[in-house]
PDB file of N, CA and C in Angstrom:
ATOM      1  N   UNK A   1      80.095 203.006  87.334  1.00  0.00           N
ATOM      2  CA  UNK A   1      80.008 201.623  86.949  1.00  0.00           C
ATOM      3  C   UNK A   1      80.282 201.439  85.482  1.00  0.00           C
ATOM      4  N   UNK A   2      79.478 202.074  84.641  1.00  0.00           N
ATOM      5  CA  UNK A   2      79.694 201.934  83.206  1.00  0.00           C
ATOM      6  C   UNK A   2      81.022 202.531  82.782  1.00  0.00           C
ATOM      7  N   UNK A   3      81.573 203.379  83.609  1.00  0.00           N
ATOM      8  CA  UNK A   3      82.860 204.001  83.302  1.00  0.00           C
ATOM      9  C   UNK A   3      83.990 203.377  84.121  1.00  0.00           C
ATOM     10  N   UNK A   4      83.760 202.185  84.632  1.00  0.00           N
ATOM     11  CA  UNK A   4      84.753 201.504  85.449  1.00  0.00           C
ATOM     12  C   UNK A   4      85.719 200.746  84.539  1.00  0.00           C
ATOM     13  N   UNK A   5      86.999 200.929  84.786  1.00  0.00           N
ATOM     14  CA  UNK A   5      88.026 200.200  84.041  1.00  0.00           C
ATOM     15  C   UNK A   5      88.590 199.107  84.934  1.00  0.00           C
ATOM     16  N   UNK A   6      88.798 197.945  84.358  1.00  0.00           N
ATOM     17  CA  UNK A   6      89.283 196.791  85.101  1.00  0.00           C
ATOM     18  C   UNK A   6      90.465 196.190  84.348  1.00  0.00           C
ATOM     19  N   UNK A   7      91.519 195.857  85.085  1.00  0.00           N
ATOM     20  CA  UNK A   7      92.656 195.186  84.450  1.00  0.00           C
ATOM     21  C   UNK A   7      92.198 193.842  83.876  1.00  0.00           C
ATOM     22  N   UNK A   8      92.713 193.516  82.721  1.00  0.00           N
ATOM     23  CA  UNK A   8      92.345 192.280  82.042  1.00  0.00           C
ATOM     24  C   UNK A   8      92.610 191.065  82.932  1.00  0.00           C
ATOM     25  N   UNK A   9      93.753 191.046  83.597  1.00  0.00           N
ATOM     26  CA  UNK A   9      94.102 189.923  84.463  1.00  0.00           C
ATOM     27  C   UNK A   9      93.103 189.790  85.613  1.00  0.00           C
ATOM     28  N   UNK A  10      92.712 190.916  86.213  1.00  0.00           N
ATOM     29  CA  UNK A  10      91.728 190.885  87.301  1.00  0.00           C
ATOM     30  C   UNK A  10      90.388 190.364  86.793  1.00  0.00           C
ATOM     31  N   UNK A  11      89.999 190.793  85.617  1.00  0.00           N
ATOM     32  CA  UNK A  11      88.732 190.349  85.027  1.00  0.00           C
ATOM     33  C   UNK A  11      88.738 188.832  84.847  1.00  0.00           C
ATOM     34  N   UNK A  12      89.816 188.304  84.264  1.00  0.00           N
ATOM     35  CA  UNK A  12      89.884 186.868  84.008  1.00  0.00           C
ATOM     36  C   UNK A  12      90.063 186.058  85.286  1.00  0.00           C
ATOM     37  N   UNK A  13      90.765 186.588  86.273  1.00  0.00           N
ATOM     38  CA  UNK A  13      90.926 185.884  87.553  1.00  0.00           C
ATOM     39  C   UNK A  13      89.594 185.686  88.257  1.00  0.00           C
ATOM     40  N   UNK A  14      88.689 186.617  88.093  1.00  0.00           N
ATOM     41  CA  UNK A  14      87.388 186.539  88.761  1.00  0.00           C
ATOM     42  C   UNK A  14      86.348 185.806  87.928  1.00  0.00           C
ATOM     43  N   UNK A  15      86.666 185.502  86.694  1.00  0.00           N
ATOM     44  CA  UNK A  15      85.705 184.845  85.814  1.00  0.00           C
ATOM     45  C   UNK A  15      84.844 185.815  85.042  1.00  0.00           C
ATOM     46  N   UNK A  16      85.120 187.109  85.220  1.00  0.00           N
ATOM     47  CA  UNK A  16      84.368 188.132  84.490  1.00  0.00           C
ATOM     48  C   UNK A  16      82.941 188.281  84.987  1.00  0.00           C
ATOM     49  N   UNK A  17      82.174 189.074  84.282  1.00  0.00           N
ATOM     50  CA  UNK A  17      80.776 189.310  84.668  1.00  0.00           C
ATOM     51  C   UNK A  17      79.949 188.036  84.620  1.00  0.00           C
ATOM     52  N   UNK A  18      80.296 187.138  83.699  1.00  0.00           N
ATOM     53  CA  UNK A  18      79.525 185.913  83.533  1.00  0.00           C
ATOM     54  C   UNK A  18      79.558 185.039  84.786  1.00  0.00           C
ATOM     55  N   UNK A  19      80.622 185.112  85.565  1.00  0.00           N
ATOM     56  CA  UNK A  19      80.784 184.264  86.746  1.00  0.00           C
ATOM     57  C   UNK A  19      80.198 184.884  88.013  1.00  0.00           C
ATOM     58  N   UNK A  20      79.723 186.115  87.941  1.00  0.00           N
ATOM     59  CA  UNK A  20      79.228 186.803  89.137  1.00  0.00           C
ATOM     60  C   UNK A  20      77.752 186.490  89.352  1.00  0.00           C
ATOM     61  N   UNK A  21      77.314 186.489  90.614  1.00  0.00           N
ATOM     62  CA  UNK A  21      75.880 186.286  90.874  1.00  0.00           C
ATOM     63  C   UNK A  21      75.086 187.455  90.301  1.00  0.00           C
ATOM     64  N   UNK A  22      73.847 187.182  89.929  1.00  0.00           N
ATOM     65  CA  UNK A  22      73.029 188.237  89.341  1.00  0.00           C
ATOM     66  C   UNK A  22      72.793 189.348  90.355  1.00  0.00           C
ATOM     67  N   UNK A  23      73.032 190.567  89.904  1.00  0.00           N
ATOM     68  CA  UNK A  23      72.705 191.767  90.670  1.00  0.00           C
ATOM     69  C   UNK A  23      72.228 192.810  89.668  1.00  0.00           C
ATOM     70  N   UNK A  24      71.315 193.634  90.096  1.00  0.00           N
ATOM     71  CA  UNK A  24      70.878 194.729  89.227  1.00  0.00           C
ATOM     72  C   UNK A  24      72.056 195.643  88.936  1.00  0.00           C
ATOM     73  N   UNK A  25      72.934 195.776  89.911  1.00  0.00           N
ATOM     74  CA  UNK A  25      74.125 196.612  89.763  1.00  0.00           C
ATOM     75  C   UNK A  25      75.322 195.699  89.483  1.00  0.00           C
ATOM     76  N   UNK A  26      75.428 195.259  88.238  1.00  0.00           N
ATOM     77  CA  UNK A  26      76.462 194.297  87.869  1.00  0.00           C
ATOM     78  C   UNK A  26      77.874 194.833  88.079  1.00  0.00           C
ATOM     79  N   UNK A  27      78.049 196.143  87.982  1.00  0.00           N
ATOM     80  CA  UNK A  27      79.371 196.715  88.223  1.00  0.00           C
ATOM     81  C   UNK A  27      79.785 196.534  89.683  1.00  0.00           C
ATOM     82  N   UNK A  28      78.830 196.576  90.600  1.00  0.00           N
ATOM     83  CA  UNK A  28      79.127 196.346  92.007  1.00  0.00           C
ATOM     84  C   UNK A  28      79.528 194.889  92.237  1.00  0.00           C
ATOM     85  N   UNK A  29      78.856 193.962  91.583  1.00  0.00           N
ATOM     86  CA  UNK A  29      79.223 192.543  91.699  1.00  0.00           C
ATOM     87  C   UNK A  29      80.652 192.336  91.214  1.00  0.00           C
ATOM     88  N   UNK A  30      81.005 192.978  90.111  1.00  0.00           N
ATOM     89  CA  UNK A  30      82.355 192.847  89.576  1.00  0.00           C
ATOM     90  C   UNK A  30      83.370 193.466  90.531  1.00  0.00           C
ATOM     91  N   UNK A  31      83.052 194.624  91.079  1.00  0.00           N
ATOM     92  CA  UNK A  31      83.932 195.296  92.030  1.00  0.00           C
ATOM     93  C   UNK A  31      84.185 194.412  93.250  1.00  0.00           C
ATOM     94  N   UNK A  32      83.129 193.813  93.791  1.00  0.00           N
ATOM     95  CA  UNK A  32      83.273 192.949  94.964  1.00  0.00           C
ATOM     96  C   UNK A  32      84.153 191.746  94.640  1.00  0.00           C
ATOM     97  N   UNK A  33      83.972 191.151  93.475  1.00  0.00           N
ATOM     98  CA  UNK A  33      84.773 189.988  93.089  1.00  0.00           C
ATOM     99  C   UNK A  33      86.245 190.361  92.944  1.00  0.00           C
ATOM    100  N   UNK A  34      86.507 191.499  92.350  1.00  0.00           N
ATOM    101  CA  UNK A  34      87.894 191.924  92.132  1.00  0.00           C
ATOM    102  C   UNK A  34      88.599 192.194  93.460  1.00  0.00           C
ATOM    103  N   UNK A  35      87.933 192.902  94.367  1.00  0.00           N
ATOM    104  CA  UNK A  35      88.569 193.188  95.656  1.00  0.00           C
ATOM    105  C   UNK A  35      88.690 191.922  96.499  1.00  0.00           C
ATOM    106  N   UNK A  36      87.756 190.998  96.355  1.00  0.00           N
ATOM    107  CA  UNK A  36      87.839 189.716  97.079  1.00  0.00           C
ATOM    108  C   UNK A  36      89.067 188.924  96.631  1.00  0.00           C
ATOM    109  N   UNK A  37      89.454 189.089  95.370  1.00  0.00           N
ATOM    110  CA  UNK A  37      90.634 188.400  94.846  1.00  0.00           C
ATOM    111  C   UNK A  37      91.929 189.164  95.137  1.00  0.00           C
ATOM    112  N   UNK A  38      91.842 190.206  95.953  1.00  0.00           N
ATOM    113  CA  UNK A  38      93.043 190.908  96.385  1.00  0.00           C
ATOM    114  C   UNK A  38      93.475 192.083  95.521  1.00  0.00           C
ATOM    115  N   UNK A  39      92.699 192.423  94.527  1.00  0.00           N
ATOM    116  CA  UNK A  39      93.032 193.569  93.682  1.00  0.00           C
ATOM    117  C   UNK A  39      92.633 194.853  94.392  1.00  0.00           C
ATOM    118  N   UNK A  40      93.384 195.902  94.167  1.00  0.00           N
ATOM    119  CA  UNK A  40      93.116 197.208  94.754  1.00  0.00           C
ATOM    120  C   UNK A  40      92.313 198.043  93.758  1.00  0.00           C
ATOM    121  N   UNK A  41      91.871 199.193  94.178  1.00  0.00           N
ATOM    122  CA  UNK A  41      91.125 200.083  93.282  1.00  0.00           C
ATOM    123  C   UNK A  41      91.513 201.526  93.548  1.00  0.00           C
ATOM    124  N   UNK A  42      91.224 202.371  92.581  1.00  0.00           N
ATOM    125  CA  UNK A  42      91.459 203.810  92.693  1.00  0.00           C
ATOM    126  C   UNK A  42      90.268 204.547  92.106  1.00  0.00           C
ATOM    127  N   UNK A  43      89.926 205.638  92.730  1.00  0.00           N
ATOM    128  CA  UNK A  43      88.915 206.537  92.173  1.00  0.00           C
ATOM    129  C   UNK A  43      89.665 207.683  91.518  1.00  0.00           C
ATOM    130  N   UNK A  44      89.424 207.896  90.248  1.00  0.00           N
ATOM    131  CA  UNK A  44      90.118 208.950  89.515  1.00  0.00           C
ATOM    132  C   UNK A  44      89.188 210.139  89.317  1.00  0.00           C
ATOM    133  N   UNK A  45      89.695 211.304  89.597  1.00  0.00           N
ATOM    134  CA  UNK A  45      88.932 212.535  89.418  1.00  0.00           C
ATOM    135  C   UNK A  45      89.754 213.490  88.577  1.00  0.00           C
ATOM    136  N   UNK A  46      89.315 213.718  87.366  1.00  0.00           N
ATOM    137  CA  UNK A  46      90.040 214.615  86.476  1.00  0.00           C
ATOM    138  C   UNK A  46      89.138 214.973  85.304  1.00  0.00           C
ATOM    139  N   UNK A  47      89.173 216.208  84.871  1.00  0.00           N
ATOM    140  CA  UNK A  47      88.391 216.577  83.682  1.00  0.00           C
ATOM    141  C   UNK A  47      88.815 215.778  82.447  1.00  0.00           C
ATOM    142  N   UNK A  48      90.048 215.285  82.448  1.00  0.00           N
ATOM    143  CA  UNK A  48      90.539 214.530  81.292  1.00  0.00           C
ATOM    144  C   UNK A  48      89.862 213.173  81.129  1.00  0.00           C
ATOM    145  N   UNK A  49      89.290 212.647  82.205  1.00  0.00           N
ATOM    146  CA  UNK A  49      88.680 211.328  82.138  1.00  0.00           C
ATOM    147  C   UNK A  49      87.171 211.363  82.400  1.00  0.00           C
ATOM    148  N   UNK A  50      86.600 212.531  82.380  1.00  0.00           N
ATOM    149  CA  UNK A  50      85.173 212.683  82.646  1.00  0.00           C
ATOM    150  C   UNK A  50      84.349 211.979  81.567  1.00  0.00           C
ATOM    151  N   UNK A  51      83.452 211.126  82.020  1.00  0.00           N
ATOM    152  CA  UNK A  51      82.541 210.450  81.094  1.00  0.00           C
ATOM    153  C   UNK A  51      81.157 211.056  81.206  1.00  0.00           C
ATOM    154  N   UNK A  52      80.572 211.388  80.099  1.00  0.00           N
ATOM    155  CA  UNK A  52      79.223 211.966  80.087  1.00  0.00           C
ATOM    156  C   UNK A  52      78.310 211.001  79.347  1.00  0.00           C
ATOM    157  N   UNK A  53      77.232 210.636  80.006  1.00  0.00           N
ATOM    158  CA  UNK A  53      76.290 209.702  79.400  1.00  0.00           C
ATOM    159  C   UNK A  53      75.003 210.414  79.036  1.00  0.00           C
ATOM    160  N   UNK A  54      74.237 209.762  78.176  1.00  0.00           N
ATOM    161  CA  UNK A  54      72.949 210.331  77.776  1.00  0.00           C
ATOM    162  C   UNK A  54      71.974 210.280  78.953  1.00  0.00           C
ATOM    163  N   UNK A  55      71.112 211.281  79.076  1.00  0.00           N
ATOM    164  CA  UNK A  55      70.110 211.245  80.147  1.00  0.00           C
ATOM    165  C   UNK A  55      69.033 210.204  79.835  1.00  0.00           C
ATOM    166  N   UNK A  56      68.309 209.792  80.853  1.00  0.00           N
ATOM    167  CA  UNK A  56      67.194 208.877  80.652  1.00  0.00           C
ATOM    168  C   UNK A  56      66.144 209.566  79.787  1.00  0.00           C
ATOM    169  N   UNK A  57      65.458 208.777  78.973  1.00  0.00           N
ATOM    170  CA  UNK A  57      64.511 209.358  78.020  1.00  0.00           C
ATOM    171  C   UNK A  57      63.137 209.627  78.615  1.00  0.00           C
ATOM    172  N   UNK A  58      62.829 209.012  79.758  1.00  0.00           N
ATOM    173  CA  UNK A  58      61.522 209.252  80.370  1.00  0.00           C
ATOM    174  C   UNK A  58      61.672 209.290  81.887  1.00  0.00           C
ATOM    175  N   UNK A  59      60.662 209.814  82.538  1.00  0.00           N
ATOM    176  CA  UNK A  59      60.667 209.876  83.994  1.00  0.00           C
ATOM    177  C   UNK A  59      60.682 208.471  84.580  1.00  0.00           C
ATOM    178  N   UNK A  60      59.960 207.537  83.954  1.00  0.00           N
ATOM    179  CA  UNK A  60      59.922 206.149  84.414  1.00  0.00           C
ATOM    180  C   UNK A  60      61.320 205.521  84.346  1.00  0.00           C
ATOM    181  N   UNK A  61      62.043 205.760  83.262  1.00  0.00           N
ATOM    182  CA  UNK A  61      63.409 205.235  83.142  1.00  0.00           C
ATOM    183  C   UNK A  61      64.326 205.850  84.201  1.00  0.00           C
ATOM    184  N   UNK A  62      64.129 207.121  84.495  1.00  0.00           N
ATOM    185  CA  UNK A  62      64.912 207.777  85.543  1.00  0.00           C
ATOM    186  C   UNK A  62      64.648 207.112  86.894  1.00  0.00           C
ATOM    187  N   UNK A  63      63.395 206.807  87.196  1.00  0.00           N
ATOM    188  CA  UNK A  63      63.065 206.133  88.444  1.00  0.00           C
ATOM    189  C   UNK A  63      63.682 204.738  88.507  1.00  0.00           C
ATOM    190  N   UNK A  64      63.669 204.020  87.387  1.00  0.00           N
ATOM    191  CA  UNK A  64      64.291 202.696  87.347  1.00  0.00           C
ATOM    192  C   UNK A  64      65.797 202.797  87.614  1.00  0.00           C
ATOM    193  N   UNK A  65      66.437 203.805  87.026  1.00  0.00           N
ATOM    194  CA  UNK A  65      67.866 204.005  87.239  1.00  0.00           C
ATOM    195  C   UNK A  65      68.143 204.296  88.713  1.00  0.00           C
ATOM    196  N   UNK A  66      67.368 205.168  89.307  1.00  0.00           N
ATOM    197  CA  UNK A  66      67.555 205.519  90.718  1.00  0.00           C
ATOM    198  C   UNK A  66      67.357 204.288  91.610  1.00  0.00           C
ATOM    199  N   UNK A  67      66.399 203.439  91.248  1.00  0.00           N
ATOM    200  CA  UNK A  67      66.161 202.226  92.021  1.00  0.00           C
ATOM    201  C   UNK A  67      67.373 201.295  91.946  1.00  0.00           C
ATOM    202  N   UNK A  68      67.983 201.150  90.771  1.00  0.00           N
ATOM    203  CA  UNK A  68      69.194 200.333  90.627  1.00  0.00           C
ATOM    204  C   UNK A  68      70.318 200.897  91.488  1.00  0.00           C
ATOM    205  N   UNK A  69      70.480 202.212  91.459  1.00  0.00           N
ATOM    206  CA  UNK A  69      71.548 202.841  92.238  1.00  0.00           C
ATOM    207  C   UNK A  69      71.314 202.637  93.733  1.00  0.00           C
ATOM    208  N   UNK A  70      70.076 202.775  94.168  1.00  0.00           N
ATOM    209  CA  UNK A  70      69.754 202.585  95.581  1.00  0.00           C
ATOM    210  C   UNK A  70      70.013 201.146  95.988  1.00  0.00           C
ATOM    211  N   UNK A  71      69.623 200.202  95.142  1.00  0.00           N
ATOM    212  CA  UNK A  71      69.868 198.795  95.413  1.00  0.00           C
ATOM    213  C   UNK A  71      71.367 198.552  95.599  1.00  0.00           C
ATOM    214  N   UNK A  72      72.167 199.124  94.730  1.00  0.00           N
ATOM    215  CA  UNK A  72      73.616 198.978  94.844  1.00  0.00           C
ATOM    216  C   UNK A  72      74.168 199.664  96.072  1.00  0.00           C
ATOM    217  N   UNK A  73      73.668 200.847  96.380  1.00  0.00           N
ATOM    218  CA  UNK A  73      74.166 201.610  97.533  1.00  0.00           C
ATOM    219  C   UNK A  73      73.905 200.876  98.837  1.00  0.00           C
ATOM    220  N   UNK A  74      72.815 200.150  98.906  1.00  0.00           N
ATOM    221  CA  UNK A  74      72.493 199.428 100.134  1.00  0.00           C
ATOM    222  C   UNK A  74      73.352 198.183 100.327  1.00  0.00           C
ATOM    223  N   UNK A  75      74.138 197.820  99.316  1.00  0.00           N
ATOM    224  CA  UNK A  75      74.988 196.632  99.402  1.00  0.00           C
ATOM    225  C   UNK A  75      76.461 196.956  99.629  1.00  0.00           C
ATOM    226  N   UNK A  76      76.812 198.231  99.689  1.00  0.00           N
ATOM    227  CA  UNK A  76      78.215 198.585  99.880  1.00  0.00           C
ATOM    228  C   UNK A  76      78.475 198.920 101.342  1.00  0.00           C
ATOM    229  N   UNK A  77      79.729 198.867 101.761  1.00  0.00           N
ATOM    230  CA  UNK A  77      80.058 199.177 103.160  1.00  0.00           C
ATOM    231  C   UNK A  77      79.692 200.615 103.533  1.00  0.00           C
ATOM    232  N   UNK A  78      79.398 200.817 104.797  1.00  0.00           N
ATOM    233  CA  UNK A  78      78.973 202.126 105.298  1.00  0.00           C
ATOM    234  C   UNK A  78      80.002 203.206 104.983  1.00  0.00           C
ATOM    235  N   UNK A  79      81.302 202.887 105.084  1.00  0.00           N
ATOM    236  CA  UNK A  79      82.318 203.918 104.847  1.00  0.00           C
ATOM    237  C   UNK A  79      82.312 204.405 103.404  1.00  0.00           C
ATOM    238  N   UNK A  80      81.720 203.646 102.494  1.00  0.00           N
ATOM    239  CA  UNK A  80      81.584 204.142 101.121  1.00  0.00           C
ATOM    240  C   UNK A  80      80.250 204.862 100.917  1.00  0.00           C
ATOM    241  N   UNK A  81      79.260 204.576 101.744  1.00  0.00           N
ATOM    242  CA  UNK A  81      77.964 205.242 101.638  1.00  0.00           C
ATOM    243  C   UNK A  81      78.021 206.660 102.174  1.00  0.00           C
ATOM    244  N   UNK A  82      78.779 206.862 103.275  1.00  0.00           N
ATOM    245  CA  UNK A  82      78.830 208.166 103.932  1.00  0.00           C
ATOM    246  C   UNK A  82      79.173 209.322 102.990  1.00  0.00           C
ATOM    247  N   UNK A  83      80.167 209.182 102.100  1.00  0.00           N
ATOM    248  CA  UNK A  83      80.452 210.304 101.209  1.00  0.00           C
ATOM    249  C   UNK A  83      79.316 210.618 100.228  1.00  0.00           C
ATOM    250  N   UNK A  84      78.446 209.638  99.988  1.00  0.00           N
ATOM    251  CA  UNK A  84      77.335 209.877  99.070  1.00  0.00           C
ATOM    252  C   UNK A  84      76.355 210.857  99.660  1.00  0.00           C
TER     253      UNK A  84
END
C-alpha cells in the first residue's frame, strides 16, 4: 500500500484519496476506485524495487497494524486472499 505507485491521470480521474470513502486501509480504497474507473494494475517483484519500512516501535502498534491489514484483507475478492 505505502509502496503503491499510481499514474497521475488515474489518481485525478478518481478524485484522489480525498474523494474516497473512509477506510482504515486507504490504499485499498484507492485501488478499488482506480480499477472501477477501468485502470489495470500490475504487481512488481524485483530486488530493484524492494521497499523496506521501519518496524513498529511497540507490540501494541504491531497489533494495530495487523488489525488494519486484516480489515483490508476481508474487503478484497477471494481470488486475491487465497495467495495470502
